Amino acid sequence: MHPLVERLRGTLLPAVVTPMDADGVVAYDALTAYAGALTTQSVGGIAVWAHTGRGLYLSPGDRAKVLETWRQATDVPIVAGVGVPRSAEAAGLQEAADATVEMALAAAAGGADAVMVYPLAALGELPDGDAQAVALHERVAAESGLPLVGFYLHGEAGGYPYSPALIRELLSLDAMLGVKTATLDRAIGCQDAIWAGRGTGKLLITGEDRMYGPSFMWGADTALVGIASAQVELSAAVLRAWTAGDHSGFLTASDQLDRFAAATFYAPIEGYVQRMLWAAEWEGLVPAEAAHDPYGPDLPPGERDLVIRCLEELHS
């Protein structure tokens, strides 16, 4: 078993935002300050280049500099997301696989400790899709030399439902640390995915921002979530209370985090990145001029007001 499994088990890895201006220019001074603030909090690792940080849309140069900024800020393990945007799959599966491997090589060169492999949605439509998914993970591990986190992503952000059999096969790979489940609101799919990992000794990672507390009750033991990009301590409190068997504390913290999730994770789901940035701005983690998500949908001003009201109530 890879030593990162036990190092990360029971910990929180925020999928961090990437501060940008309205034109998508990364604000590196703001990123440095944000990294410095987050890494003083209750984190067991950091997830860069993930969906929350718009990693698949950054230029290779920006990705390298983002990773370098986080690597300089902390010695906790860094997991880097690798893959292609859903739109890029149209170029062909071989091209998408090659680009995924290339990104993993860049992550290794930049000092990442592991990579999280984005699912290729097109594989879900092929009769041998599971076999190709396993082969992709094996190739990424072999060529990058890094351990892996699988990523069961299903929703408008891409991906496709991983069957329990596929999850078990992925977890059987020596390079696999665990599988992250991010089904948004598909409780049965989340349960089946977590249960498929039981008995493997690998990490059962929740990525469920709207089913965060329940996912621990279903068996998740580690968290890699976008909601923690702006709410580290509250996210960590839920996990910590559950792990300690403090059910009263778990219910209290989970209720608070659920209220924040309800104000940030709803249709259009792609808007959650901007809502996280608004929250990070209000929390003093990111300046207003760097709290923009140019890759998401336009959101009405009332949505920002909803996020702020929720935060004010949580802090009252």
C-alpha atoms as a PDB file:
ATOM      1  CA  MET A   1       0.000   0.000   0.000  1.00  0.00           C
ATOM      2  CA  HIS A   2       1.344   3.438  -0.919  1.00  0.00           C
ATOM      3  CA  PRO A   3       2.280   5.482   2.200  1.00  0.00           C
ATOM      4  CA  LEU A   4       0.099   8.384   1.028  1.00  0.00           C
ATOM      5  CA  VAL A   5      -2.986   6.253   1.702  1.00  0.00           C
ATOM      6  CA  GLU A   6      -2.536   6.368   5.458  1.00  0.00           C
ATOM      7  CA  ARG A   7      -1.148   9.894   5.402  1.00  0.00           C
ATOM      8  CA  LEU A   8      -4.290  11.198   3.707  1.00  0.00           C
ATOM      9  CA  ARG A   9      -6.896   8.962   5.344  1.00  0.00           C
ATOM     10  CA  GLY A  10      -9.243  10.950   7.555  1.00  0.00           C
ATOM     11  CA  THR A  11      -8.080  14.311   6.220  1.00  0.00           C
ATOM     12  CA  LEU A  12      -9.505  17.141   4.147  1.00  0.00           C
ATOM     13  CA  LEU A  13      -8.083  18.207   0.793  1.00  0.00           C
ATOM     14  CA  PRO A  14      -9.657  21.441  -0.470  1.00  0.00           C
ATOM     15  CA  ALA A  15     -10.088  21.609  -4.236  1.00  0.00           C
ATOM     16  CA  VAL A  16      -8.792  25.159  -4.355  1.00  0.00           C
ATOM     17  CA  VAL A  17      -9.919  28.093  -6.494  1.00  0.00           C
ATOM     18  CA  THR A  18      -7.573  29.973  -8.819  1.00  0.00           C
ATOM     19  CA  PRO A  19      -7.907  33.744  -8.300  1.00  0.00           C
ATOM     20  CA  MET A  20      -8.342  35.517 -11.660  1.00  0.00           C
ATOM     21  CA  ASP A  21      -9.461  38.821 -13.045  1.00  0.00           C
ATOM     22  CA  ALA A  22     -12.523  39.176 -15.273  1.00  0.00           C
ATOM     23  CA  ASP A  23     -10.437  38.363 -18.363  1.00  0.00           C
ATOM     24  CA  GLY A  24      -9.111  35.110 -16.934  1.00  0.00           C
ATOM     25  CA  VAL A  25      -5.643  36.399 -16.076  1.00  0.00           C
ATOM     26  CA  VAL A  26      -4.385  34.552 -13.009  1.00  0.00           C
ATOM     27  CA  ALA A  27      -3.753  36.929 -10.104  1.00  0.00           C
ATOM     28  CA  TYR A  28      -0.564  35.462  -8.684  1.00  0.00           C
ATOM     29  CA  ASP A  29      -0.187  37.867  -5.785  1.00  0.00           C
ATOM     30  CA  ALA A  30      -3.714  36.968  -4.707  1.00  0.00           C
ATOM     31  CA  LEU A  31      -2.961  33.267  -5.236  1.00  0.00           C
ATOM     32  CA  THR A  32       0.137  33.457  -3.050  1.00  0.00           C
ATOM     33  CA  ALA A  33      -1.834  35.114  -0.246  1.00  0.00           C
ATOM     34  CA  TYR A  34      -4.702  32.635  -0.624  1.00  0.00           C
ATOM     35  CA  ALA A  35      -2.312  29.676  -0.493  1.00  0.00           C
ATOM     36  CA  GLY A  36      -0.648  31.099   2.584  1.00  0.00           C
ATOM     37  CA  ALA A  37      -3.989  31.516   4.354  1.00  0.00           C
ATOM     38  CA  LEU A  38      -5.439  28.108   3.462  1.00  0.00           C
ATOM     39  CA  THR A  39      -2.380  26.114   4.400  1.00  0.00           C
ATOM     40  CA  THR A  40      -2.489  27.417   7.976  1.00  0.00           C
ATOM     41  CA  GLN A  41      -5.885  25.740   8.380  1.00  0.00           C
ATOM     42  CA  SER A  42      -6.959  22.124   8.944  1.00  0.00           C
ATOM     43  CA  VAL A  43      -5.868  20.586   5.642  1.00  0.00           C
ATOM     44  CA  GLY A  44      -4.274  17.210   5.058  1.00  0.00           C
ATOM     45  CA  GLY A  45      -3.478  18.013   1.449  1.00  0.00           C
ATOM     46  CA  ILE A  46      -4.327  20.356  -1.402  1.00  0.00           C
ATOM     47  CA  ALA A  47      -6.003  19.582  -4.745  1.00  0.00           C
ATOM     48  CA  VAL A  48      -4.875  21.851  -7.590  1.00  0.00           C
ATOM     49  CA  TRP A  49      -5.953  21.915 -11.232  1.00  0.00           C
ATOM     50  CA  ALA A  50      -9.309  20.500 -10.106  1.00  0.00           C
ATOM     51  CA  HIS A  51     -12.666  21.639 -11.441  1.00  0.00           C
ATOM     52  CA  THR A  52     -12.955  24.316  -8.757  1.00  0.00           C
ATOM     53  CA  GLY A  53      -9.618  25.773  -9.831  1.00  0.00           C
ATOM     54  CA  ARG A  54     -10.481  25.544 -13.561  1.00  0.00           C
ATOM     55  CA  GLY A  55      -7.340  23.497 -14.049  1.00  0.00           C
ATOM     56  CA  LEU A  56      -8.342  22.082 -17.422  1.00  0.00           C
ATOM     57  CA  TYR A  57      -8.782  25.590 -18.839  1.00  0.00           C
ATOM     58  CA  LEU A  58      -5.485  27.070 -17.688  1.00  0.00           C
ATOM     59  CA  SER A  59      -2.570  27.349 -20.074  1.00  0.00           C
ATOM     60  CA  PRO A  60       0.323  24.941 -19.444  1.00  0.00           C
ATOM     61  CA  GLY A  61       2.380  27.884 -18.218  1.00  0.00           C
ATOM     62  CA  ASP A  62      -0.285  28.996 -15.766  1.00  0.00           C
ATOM     63  CA  ARG A  63      -0.804  25.442 -14.542  1.00  0.00           C
ATOM     64  CA  ALA A  64       2.912  25.137 -13.846  1.00  0.00           C
ATOM     65  CA  LYS A  65       3.030  28.438 -11.982  1.00  0.00           C
ATOM     66  CA  VAL A  66      -0.131  27.638  -9.975  1.00  0.00           C
ATOM     67  CA  LEU A  67       1.396  24.327  -8.878  1.00  0.00           C
ATOM     68  CA  GLU A  68       4.698  26.033  -8.079  1.00  0.00           C
ATOM     69  CA  THR A  69       2.888  28.600  -5.909  1.00  0.00           C
ATOM     70  CA  TRP A  70       1.174  25.897  -3.862  1.00  0.00           C
ATOM     71  CA  ARG A  71       4.328  23.774  -3.663  1.00  0.00           C
ATOM     72  CA  GLN A  72       6.216  26.729  -2.208  1.00  0.00           C
ATOM     73  CA  ALA A  73       3.408  27.406   0.274  1.00  0.00           C
ATOM     74  CA  THR A  74       3.144  23.969   1.858  1.00  0.00           C
ATOM     75  CA  ASP A  75       4.714  20.573   2.390  1.00  0.00           C
ATOM     76  CA  VAL A  76       1.375  18.740   2.635  1.00  0.00           C
ATOM     77  CA  PRO A  77       0.659  16.373  -0.261  1.00  0.00           C
ATOM     78  CA  ILE A  78      -0.573  18.021  -3.453  1.00  0.00           C
ATOM     79  CA  VAL A  79      -2.941  16.173  -5.772  1.00  0.00           C
ATOM     80  CA  ALA A  80      -3.157  17.610  -9.299  1.00  0.00           C
ATOM     81  CA  GLY A  81      -6.153  17.015 -11.548  1.00  0.00           C
ATOM     82  CA  VAL A  82      -5.252  15.761 -15.033  1.00  0.00           C
ATOM     83  CA  GLY A  83      -7.447  15.378 -18.084  1.00  0.00           C
ATOM     84  CA  VAL A  84      -9.177  17.399 -20.778  1.00  0.00           C
ATOM     85  CA  PRO A  85     -12.334  19.523 -20.897  1.00  0.00           C
ATOM     86  CA  ARG A  86     -15.383  17.644 -22.112  1.00  0.00           C
ATOM     87  CA  SER A  87     -15.389  19.676 -25.330  1.00  0.00           C
ATOM     88  CA  ALA A  88     -11.856  18.483 -26.129  1.00  0.00           C
ATOM     89  CA  GLU A  89     -12.954  14.838 -26.237  1.00  0.00           C
ATOM     90  CA  ALA A  90     -14.387  15.529 -29.685  1.00  0.00           C
ATOM     91  CA  ALA A  91     -10.837  15.448 -31.046  1.00  0.00           C
ATOM     92  CA  GLY A  92     -10.708  11.729 -30.262  1.00  0.00           C
ATOM     93  CA  LEU A  93     -10.053   9.426 -27.332  1.00  0.00           C
ATOM     94  CA  GLN A  94      -6.409   8.821 -28.205  1.00  0.00           C
ATOM     95  CA  GLU A  95      -5.739  12.555 -28.288  1.00  0.00           C
ATOM     96  CA  ALA A  96      -7.573  13.007 -24.978  1.00  0.00           C
ATOM     97  CA  ALA A  97      -5.582  10.189 -23.375  1.00  0.00           C
ATOM     98  CA  ASP A  98      -2.306  11.628 -24.675  1.00  0.00           C
ATOM     99  CA  ALA A  99      -3.199  15.065 -23.294  1.00  0.00           C
ATOM    100  CA  THR A 100      -4.075  13.511 -19.911  1.00  0.00           C
ATOM    101  CA  VAL A 101      -0.684  11.796 -19.746  1.00  0.00           C
ATOM    102  CA  GLU A 102       1.099  14.978 -20.803  1.00  0.00           C
ATOM    103  CA  MET A 103      -0.608  16.877 -17.995  1.00  0.00           C
ATOM    104  CA  ALA A 104       0.379  14.156 -15.518  1.00  0.00           C
ATOM    105  CA  LEU A 105       4.001  14.448 -16.631  1.00  0.00           C
ATOM    106  CA  ALA A 106       3.811  18.207 -16.029  1.00  0.00           C
ATOM    107  CA  ALA A 107       2.357  17.576 -12.568  1.00  0.00           C
ATOM    108  CA  ALA A 108       5.234  15.234 -11.726  1.00  0.00           C
ATOM    109  CA  ALA A 109       7.779  17.744 -13.000  1.00  0.00           C
ATOM    110  CA  GLY A 110       6.188  20.465 -10.872  1.00  0.00           C
ATOM    111  CA  GLY A 111       6.373  18.526  -7.625  1.00  0.00           C
ATOM    112  CA  ALA A 112       2.841  17.120  -7.286  1.00  0.00           C
ATOM    113  CA  ASP A 113       2.573  14.076  -5.032  1.00  0.00           C
ATOM    114  CA  ALA A 114      -0.294  12.406  -6.893  1.00  0.00           C
ATOM    115  CA  VAL A 115      -2.672  12.993  -9.795  1.00  0.00           C
ATOM    116  CA  MET A 116      -6.445  12.766  -9.977  1.00  0.00           C
ATOM    117  CA  VAL A 117      -7.514  11.410 -13.369  1.00  0.00           C
ATOM    118  CA  TYR A 118     -10.577  13.087 -14.834  1.00  0.00           C
ATOM    119  CA  PRO A 119     -12.997  10.620 -16.436  1.00  0.00           C
ATOM    120  CA  LEU A 120     -13.413  10.687 -20.207  1.00  0.00           C
ATOM    121  CA  ALA A 121     -17.175  10.848 -20.734  1.00  0.00           C
ATOM    122  CA  ALA A 122     -16.965   9.164 -24.134  1.00  0.00           C
ATOM    123  CA  LEU A 123     -15.784   5.944 -22.488  1.00  0.00           C
ATOM    124  CA  GLY A 124     -19.174   5.559 -20.846  1.00  0.00           C
ATOM    125  CA  GLU A 125     -20.701   5.004 -24.280  1.00  0.00           C
ATOM    126  CA  LEU A 126     -18.328   2.240 -25.396  1.00  0.00           C
ATOM    127  CA  PRO A 127     -18.748  -1.496 -24.767  1.00  0.00           C
ATOM    128  CA  ASP A 128     -15.111  -1.732 -23.676  1.00  0.00           C
ATOM    129  CA  GLY A 129     -15.163   1.623 -21.895  1.00  0.00           C
ATOM    130  CA  ASP A 130     -14.266   0.172 -18.492  1.00  0.00           C
ATOM    131  CA  ALA A 131     -11.242  -1.612 -19.903  1.00  0.00           C
ATOM    132  CA  GLN A 132     -10.094   1.578 -21.608  1.00  0.00           C
ATOM    133  CA  ALA A 133     -10.573   3.539 -18.381  1.00  0.00           C
ATOM    134  CA  VAL A 134      -8.387   1.077 -16.478  1.00  0.00           C
ATOM    135  CA  ALA A 135      -5.779   1.184 -19.246  1.00  0.00           C
ATOM    136  CA  LEU A 136      -5.708   4.991 -19.101  1.00  0.00           C
ATOM    137  CA  HIS A 137      -5.086   4.956 -15.352  1.00  0.00           C
ATOM    138  CA  GLU A 138      -2.345   2.360 -15.757  1.00  0.00           C
ATOM    139  CA  ARG A 139      -0.693   4.449 -18.477  1.00  0.00           C
ATOM    140  CA  VAL A 140      -0.844   7.651 -16.414  1.00  0.00           C
ATOM    141  CA  ALA A 141       0.749   5.895 -13.447  1.00  0.00           C
ATOM    142  CA  ALA A 142       3.443   4.215 -15.522  1.00  0.00           C
ATOM    143  CA  GLU A 143       4.487   7.302 -17.460  1.00  0.00           C
ATOM    144  CA  SER A 144       4.226   9.886 -14.664  1.00  0.00           C
ATOM    145  CA  GLY A 145       5.529   7.715 -11.848  1.00  0.00           C
ATOM    146  CA  LEU A 146       2.885   9.194  -9.541  1.00  0.00           C
ATOM    147  CA  PRO A 147       0.168   7.485  -7.509  1.00  0.00           C
ATOM    148  CA  LEU A 148      -3.406   8.079  -8.609  1.00  0.00           C
ATOM    149  CA  VAL A 149      -6.793   9.194  -7.364  1.00  0.00           C
ATOM    150  CA  GLY A 150      -9.709   7.968  -9.453  1.00  0.00           C
ATOM    151  CA  PHE A 151     -12.502  10.431 -10.129  1.00  0.00           C
ATOM    152  CA  TYR A 152     -16.103   9.277 -10.445  1.00  0.00           C
ATOM    153  CA  LEU A 153     -17.659  12.472 -11.783  1.00  0.00           C
ATOM    154  CA  HIS A 154     -21.220  12.483 -13.060  1.00  0.00           C
ATOM    155  CA  GLY A 155     -23.192  15.576 -13.988  1.00  0.00           C
ATOM    156  CA  GLU A 156     -23.126  18.639 -16.178  1.00  0.00           C
ATOM    157  CA  ALA A 157     -19.415  19.053 -15.517  1.00  0.00           C
ATOM    158  CA  GLY A 158     -18.741  15.845 -17.446  1.00  0.00           C
ATOM    159  CA  GLY A 159     -17.834  12.274 -16.647  1.00  0.00           C
ATOM    160  CA  TYR A 160     -20.109   9.251 -16.502  1.00  0.00           C
ATOM    161  CA  PRO A 161     -21.311   6.776 -13.865  1.00  0.00           C
ATOM    162  CA  TYR A 162     -18.547   4.401 -12.767  1.00  0.00           C
ATOM    163  CA  SER A 163     -19.953   0.947 -12.093  1.00  0.00           C
ATOM    164  CA  PRO A 164     -19.054  -0.727  -8.792  1.00  0.00           C
ATOM    165  CA  ALA A 165     -17.088  -3.286 -10.819  1.00  0.00           C
ATOM    166  CA  LEU A 166     -14.999  -0.540 -12.444  1.00  0.00           C
ATOM    167  CA  ILE A 167     -14.345   1.105  -9.086  1.00  0.00           C
ATOM    168  CA  ARG A 168     -13.157  -2.187  -7.614  1.00  0.00           C
ATOM    169  CA  GLU A 169     -10.905  -2.784 -10.619  1.00  0.00           C
ATOM    170  CA  LEU A 170      -9.404   0.688 -10.342  1.00  0.00           C
ATOM    171  CA  LEU A 171      -8.812   0.236  -6.627  1.00  0.00           C
ATOM    172  CA  SER A 172      -7.009  -3.036  -7.323  1.00  0.00           C
ATOM    173  CA  LEU A 173      -4.253  -1.136  -9.142  1.00  0.00           C
ATOM    174  CA  ASP A 174      -1.086  -0.779  -7.070  1.00  0.00           C
ATOM    175  CA  ALA A 175      -0.804   2.911  -7.995  1.00  0.00           C
ATOM    176  CA  MET A 176      -4.330   3.788  -6.883  1.00  0.00           C
ATOM    177  CA  LEU A 177      -4.706   5.667  -3.595  1.00  0.00           C
ATOM    178  CA  GLY A 178      -8.500   5.790  -3.728  1.00  0.00           C
ATOM    179  CA  VAL A 179     -11.485   6.953  -5.747  1.00  0.00           C
ATOM    180  CA  LYS A 180     -13.230  10.282  -5.314  1.00  0.00           C
ATOM    181  CA  THR A 181     -17.002  10.199  -5.759  1.00  0.00           C
ATOM    182  CA  ALA A 182     -18.732  13.352  -7.034  1.00  0.00           C
ATOM    183  CA  THR A 183     -22.286  12.563  -8.095  1.00  0.00           C
ATOM    184  CA  LEU A 184     -23.813  15.867  -6.865  1.00  0.00           C
ATOM    185  CA  ASP A 185     -27.287  14.622  -5.915  1.00  0.00           C
ATOM    186  CA  ARG A 186     -27.316  10.956  -6.900  1.00  0.00           C
ATOM    187  CA  ALA A 187     -27.475   9.307  -3.496  1.00  0.00           C
ATOM    188  CA  ILE A 188     -27.719   5.734  -4.783  1.00  0.00           C
ATOM    189  CA  GLY A 189     -24.752   6.190  -7.102  1.00  0.00           C
ATOM    190  CA  CYS A 190     -22.730   7.697  -4.278  1.00  0.00           C
ATOM    191  CA  GLN A 191     -23.599   4.873  -1.903  1.00  0.00           C
ATOM    192  CA  ASP A 192     -22.799   2.188  -4.468  1.00  0.00           C
ATOM    193  CA  ALA A 193     -19.452   3.810  -5.296  1.00  0.00           C
ATOM    194  CA  ILE A 194     -18.367   4.094  -1.669  1.00  0.00           C
ATOM    195  CA  TRP A 195     -19.543   0.584  -0.833  1.00  0.00           C
ATOM    196  CA  ALA A 196     -17.633  -0.796  -3.820  1.00  0.00           C
ATOM    197  CA  GLY A 197     -14.417   0.278  -2.122  1.00  0.00           C
ATOM    198  CA  ARG A 198     -15.072  -1.399   1.189  1.00  0.00           C
ATOM    199  CA  GLY A 199     -12.444  -3.908   2.208  1.00  0.00           C
ATOM    200  CA  THR A 200      -9.849  -2.690  -0.295  1.00  0.00           C
ATOM    201  CA  GLY A 201      -7.834  -0.671   2.196  1.00  0.00           C
ATOM    202  CA  LYS A 202      -7.802   2.244  -0.239  1.00  0.00           C
ATOM    203  CA  LEU A 203      -9.170   5.732   0.401  1.00  0.00           C
ATOM    204  CA  LEU A 204     -12.930   6.197   0.093  1.00  0.00           C
ATOM    205  CA  ILE A 205     -12.973   9.866  -0.880  1.00  0.00           C
ATOM    206  CA  THR A 206     -16.050  12.034  -0.848  1.00  0.00           C
ATOM    207  CA  GLY A 207     -16.360  14.818  -3.360  1.00  0.00           C
ATOM    208  CA  GLU A 208     -20.011  15.340  -2.460  1.00  0.00           C
ATOM    209  CA  ASP A 209     -20.538  18.980  -1.566  1.00  0.00           C
ATOM    210  CA  ARG A 210     -24.325  18.567  -1.269  1.00  0.00           C
ATOM    211  CA  MET A 211     -24.156  15.153   0.442  1.00  0.00           C
ATOM    212  CA  TYR A 212     -21.026  15.752   2.488  1.00  0.00           C
ATOM    213  CA  GLY A 213     -22.206  14.575   5.902  1.00  0.00           C
ATOM    214  CA  PRO A 214     -24.253  11.646   4.557  1.00  0.00           C
ATOM    215  CA  SER A 215     -21.314  10.419   2.493  1.00  0.00           C
ATOM    216  CA  PHE A 216     -19.345   9.844   5.701  1.00  0.00           C
ATOM    217  CA  MET A 217     -22.268   7.909   7.144  1.00  0.00           C
ATOM    218  CA  TRP A 218     -22.180   5.761   4.001  1.00  0.00           C
ATOM    219  CA  GLY A 219     -18.488   5.004   4.530  1.00  0.00           C
ATOM    220  CA  ALA A 220     -16.322   7.768   3.068  1.00  0.00           C
ATOM    221  CA  ASP A 221     -13.200   8.343   5.155  1.00  0.00           C
ATOM    222  CA  THR A 222     -11.460  11.237   3.385  1.00  0.00           C
ATOM    223  CA  ALA A 223     -12.652  14.422   1.644  1.00  0.00           C
ATOM    224  CA  LEU A 224     -11.571  16.227  -1.514  1.00  0.00           C
ATOM    225  CA  VAL A 225     -14.177  18.923  -2.076  1.00  0.00           C
ATOM    226  CA  GLY A 226     -14.609  22.309  -3.715  1.00  0.00           C
ATOM    227  CA  ILE A 227     -16.750  23.623  -0.872  1.00  0.00           C
ATOM    228  CA  ALA A 228     -13.621  23.642   1.308  1.00  0.00           C
ATOM    229  CA  SER A 229     -11.977  26.173  -1.006  1.00  0.00           C
ATOM    230  CA  ALA A 230     -13.832  28.836   0.982  1.00  0.00           C
ATOM    231  CA  GLN A 231     -14.851  26.886   4.117  1.00  0.00           C
ATOM    232  CA  VAL A 232     -11.906  24.800   5.292  1.00  0.00           C
ATOM    233  CA  GLU A 233     -12.566  24.788   9.012  1.00  0.00           C
ATOM    234  CA  LEU A 234     -16.285  24.045   8.766  1.00  0.00           C
ATOM    235  CA  SER A 235     -15.641  21.239   6.264  1.00  0.00           C
ATOM    236  CA  ALA A 236     -12.905  19.856   8.516  1.00  0.00           C
ATOM    237  CA  ALA A 237     -15.164  20.089  11.575  1.00  0.00           C
ATOM    238  CA  VAL A 238     -17.739  17.791   9.968  1.00  0.00           C
ATOM    239  CA  LEU A 239     -15.114  15.172   9.109  1.00  0.00           C
ATOM    240  CA  ARG A 240     -13.366  15.494  12.458  1.00  0.00           C
ATOM    241  CA  ALA A 241     -16.585  15.090  14.456  1.00  0.00           C
ATOM    242  CA  TRP A 242     -17.666  12.036  12.470  1.00  0.00           C
ATOM    243  CA  THR A 243     -14.266  10.373  12.797  1.00  0.00           C
ATOM    244  CA  ALA A 244     -14.228  11.017  16.553  1.00  0.00           C
ATOM    245  CA  GLY A 245     -17.739   9.624  17.014  1.00  0.00           C
ATOM    246  CA  ASP A 246     -18.973  13.032  18.198  1.00  0.00           C
ATOM    247  CA  HIS A 247     -22.436  12.705  16.721  1.00  0.00           C
ATOM    248  CA  SER A 248     -23.797  15.872  18.303  1.00  0.00           C
ATOM    249  CA  GLY A 249     -20.912  17.920  16.950  1.00  0.00           C
ATOM    250  CA  PHE A 250     -21.264  16.183  13.595  1.00  0.00           C
ATOM    251  CA  LEU A 251     -24.934  17.105  13.292  1.00  0.00           C
ATOM    252  CA  THR A 252     -24.281  20.722  14.245  1.00  0.00           C
ATOM    253  CA  ALA A 253     -21.357  21.224  11.858  1.00  0.00           C
ATOM    254  CA  SER A 254     -23.050  19.272   9.077  1.00  0.00           C
ATOM    255  CA  ASP A 255     -26.186  21.404   9.334  1.00  0.00           C
ATOM    256  CA  GLN A 256     -24.106  24.572   9.016  1.00  0.00           C
ATOM    257  CA  LEU A 257     -22.147  23.284   6.039  1.00  0.00           C
ATOM    258  CA  ASP A 258     -25.332  22.041   4.359  1.00  0.00           C
ATOM    259  CA  ARG A 259     -26.785  25.539   4.601  1.00  0.00           C
ATOM    260  CA  PHE A 260     -23.708  26.947   2.890  1.00  0.00           C
ATOM    261  CA  ALA A 261     -23.824  24.211   0.247  1.00  0.00           C
ATOM    262  CA  ALA A 262     -27.469  25.016  -0.465  1.00  0.00           C
ATOM    263  CA  ALA A 263     -26.471  28.635  -1.145  1.00  0.00           C
ATOM    264  CA  THR A 264     -23.632  27.685  -3.491  1.00  0.00           C
ATOM    265  CA  PHE A 265     -24.285  24.324  -5.193  1.00  0.00           C
ATOM    266  CA  TYR A 266     -27.452  24.491  -7.279  1.00  0.00           C
ATOM    267  CA  ALA A 267     -28.375  24.976 -10.933  1.00  0.00           C
ATOM    268  CA  PRO A 268     -26.518  26.067 -12.897  1.00  0.00           C
ATOM    269  CA  ILE A 269     -24.011  23.863 -11.112  1.00  0.00           C
ATOM    270  CA  GLU A 270     -21.140  25.342 -13.095  1.00  0.00           C
ATOM    271  CA  GLY A 271     -21.887  28.561 -11.245  1.00  0.00           C
ATOM    272  CA  TYR A 272     -20.575  27.085  -8.013  1.00  0.00           C
ATOM    273  CA  VAL A 273     -17.012  28.178  -8.834  1.00  0.00           C
ATOM    274  CA  GLN A 274     -18.055  31.830  -8.959  1.00  0.00           C
ATOM    275  CA  ARG A 275     -20.075  31.372  -5.773  1.00  0.00           C
ATOM    276  CA  MET A 276     -17.001  29.910  -4.048  1.00  0.00           C
ATOM    277  CA  LEU A 277     -14.985  32.911  -5.168  1.00  0.00           C
ATOM    278  CA  TRP A 278     -17.618  35.288  -3.766  1.00  0.00           C
ATOM    279  CA  ALA A 279     -17.457  33.375  -0.492  1.00  0.00           C
ATOM    280  CA  ALA A 280     -13.658  33.437  -0.481  1.00  0.00           C
ATOM    281  CA  GLU A 281     -13.786  37.183  -1.063  1.00  0.00           C
ATOM    282  CA  TRP A 282     -16.196  37.710   1.846  1.00  0.00           C
ATOM    283  CA  GLU A 283     -13.977  35.553   4.075  1.00  0.00           C
ATOM    284  CA  GLY A 284     -10.995  37.745   3.213  1.00  0.00           C
ATOM    285  CA  LEU A 285      -9.184  34.976   1.366  1.00  0.00           C
ATOM    286  CA  VAL A 286      -9.291  36.548  -2.109  1.00  0.00           C
ATOM    287  CA  PRO A 287      -9.554  40.252  -3.102  1.00  0.00           C
ATOM    288  CA  ALA A 288     -12.595  41.383  -5.106  1.00  0.00           C
ATOM    289  CA  GLU A 289     -10.557  42.086  -8.234  1.00  0.00           C
ATOM    290  CA  ALA A 290      -9.367  38.456  -8.280  1.00  0.00           C
ATOM    291  CA  ALA A 291     -12.732  36.837  -7.475  1.00  0.00           C
ATOM    292  CA  HIS A 292     -13.847  36.109 -11.040  1.00  0.00           C
ATOM    293  CA  ASP A 293     -14.666  32.901 -12.905  1.00  0.00           C
ATOM    294  CA  PRO A 294     -14.640  33.736 -16.616  1.00  0.00           C
ATOM    295  CA  TYR A 295     -15.282  30.089 -17.551  1.00  0.00           C
ATOM    296  CA  GLY A 296     -18.626  29.722 -15.813  1.00  0.00           C
ATOM    297  CA  PRO A 297     -22.115  31.004 -16.609  1.00  0.00           C
ATOM    298  CA  ASP A 298     -23.215  34.582 -15.991  1.00  0.00           C
ATOM    299  CA  LEU A 299     -25.019  34.746 -12.669  1.00  0.00           C
ATOM    300  CA  PRO A 300     -27.518  37.372 -11.492  1.00  0.00           C
ATOM    301  CA  PRO A 301     -26.435  39.706  -8.652  1.00  0.00           C
ATOM    302  CA  GLY A 302     -29.017  38.140  -6.361  1.00  0.00           C
ATOM    303  CA  GLU A 303     -26.966  34.961  -6.208  1.00  0.00           C
ATOM    304  CA  ARG A 304     -24.038  36.806  -4.686  1.00  0.00           C
ATOM    305  CA  ASP A 305     -26.393  38.327  -2.133  1.00  0.00           C
ATOM    306  CA  LEU A 306     -27.605  34.828  -1.219  1.00  0.00           C
ATOM    307  CA  VAL A 307     -24.046  33.645  -0.591  1.00  0.00           C
ATOM    308  CA  ILE A 308     -23.263  36.686   1.562  1.00  0.00           C
ATOM    309  CA  ARG A 309     -26.467  36.381   3.613  1.00  0.00           C
ATOM    310  CA  CYS A 310     -25.693  32.742   4.298  1.00  0.00           C
ATOM    311  CA  LEU A 311     -22.163  33.560   5.453  1.00  0.00           C
ATOM    312  CA  GLU A 312     -23.417  36.381   7.664  1.00  0.00           C
ATOM    313  CA  GLU A 313     -25.876  34.022   9.322  1.00  0.00           C
ATOM    314  CA  LEU A 314     -23.202  31.344   9.829  1.00  0.00           C
ATOM    315  CA  HIS A 315     -20.889  33.875  11.456  1.00  0.00           C
ATOM    316  CA  SER A 316     -23.572  35.541  13.599  1.00  0.00           C
END
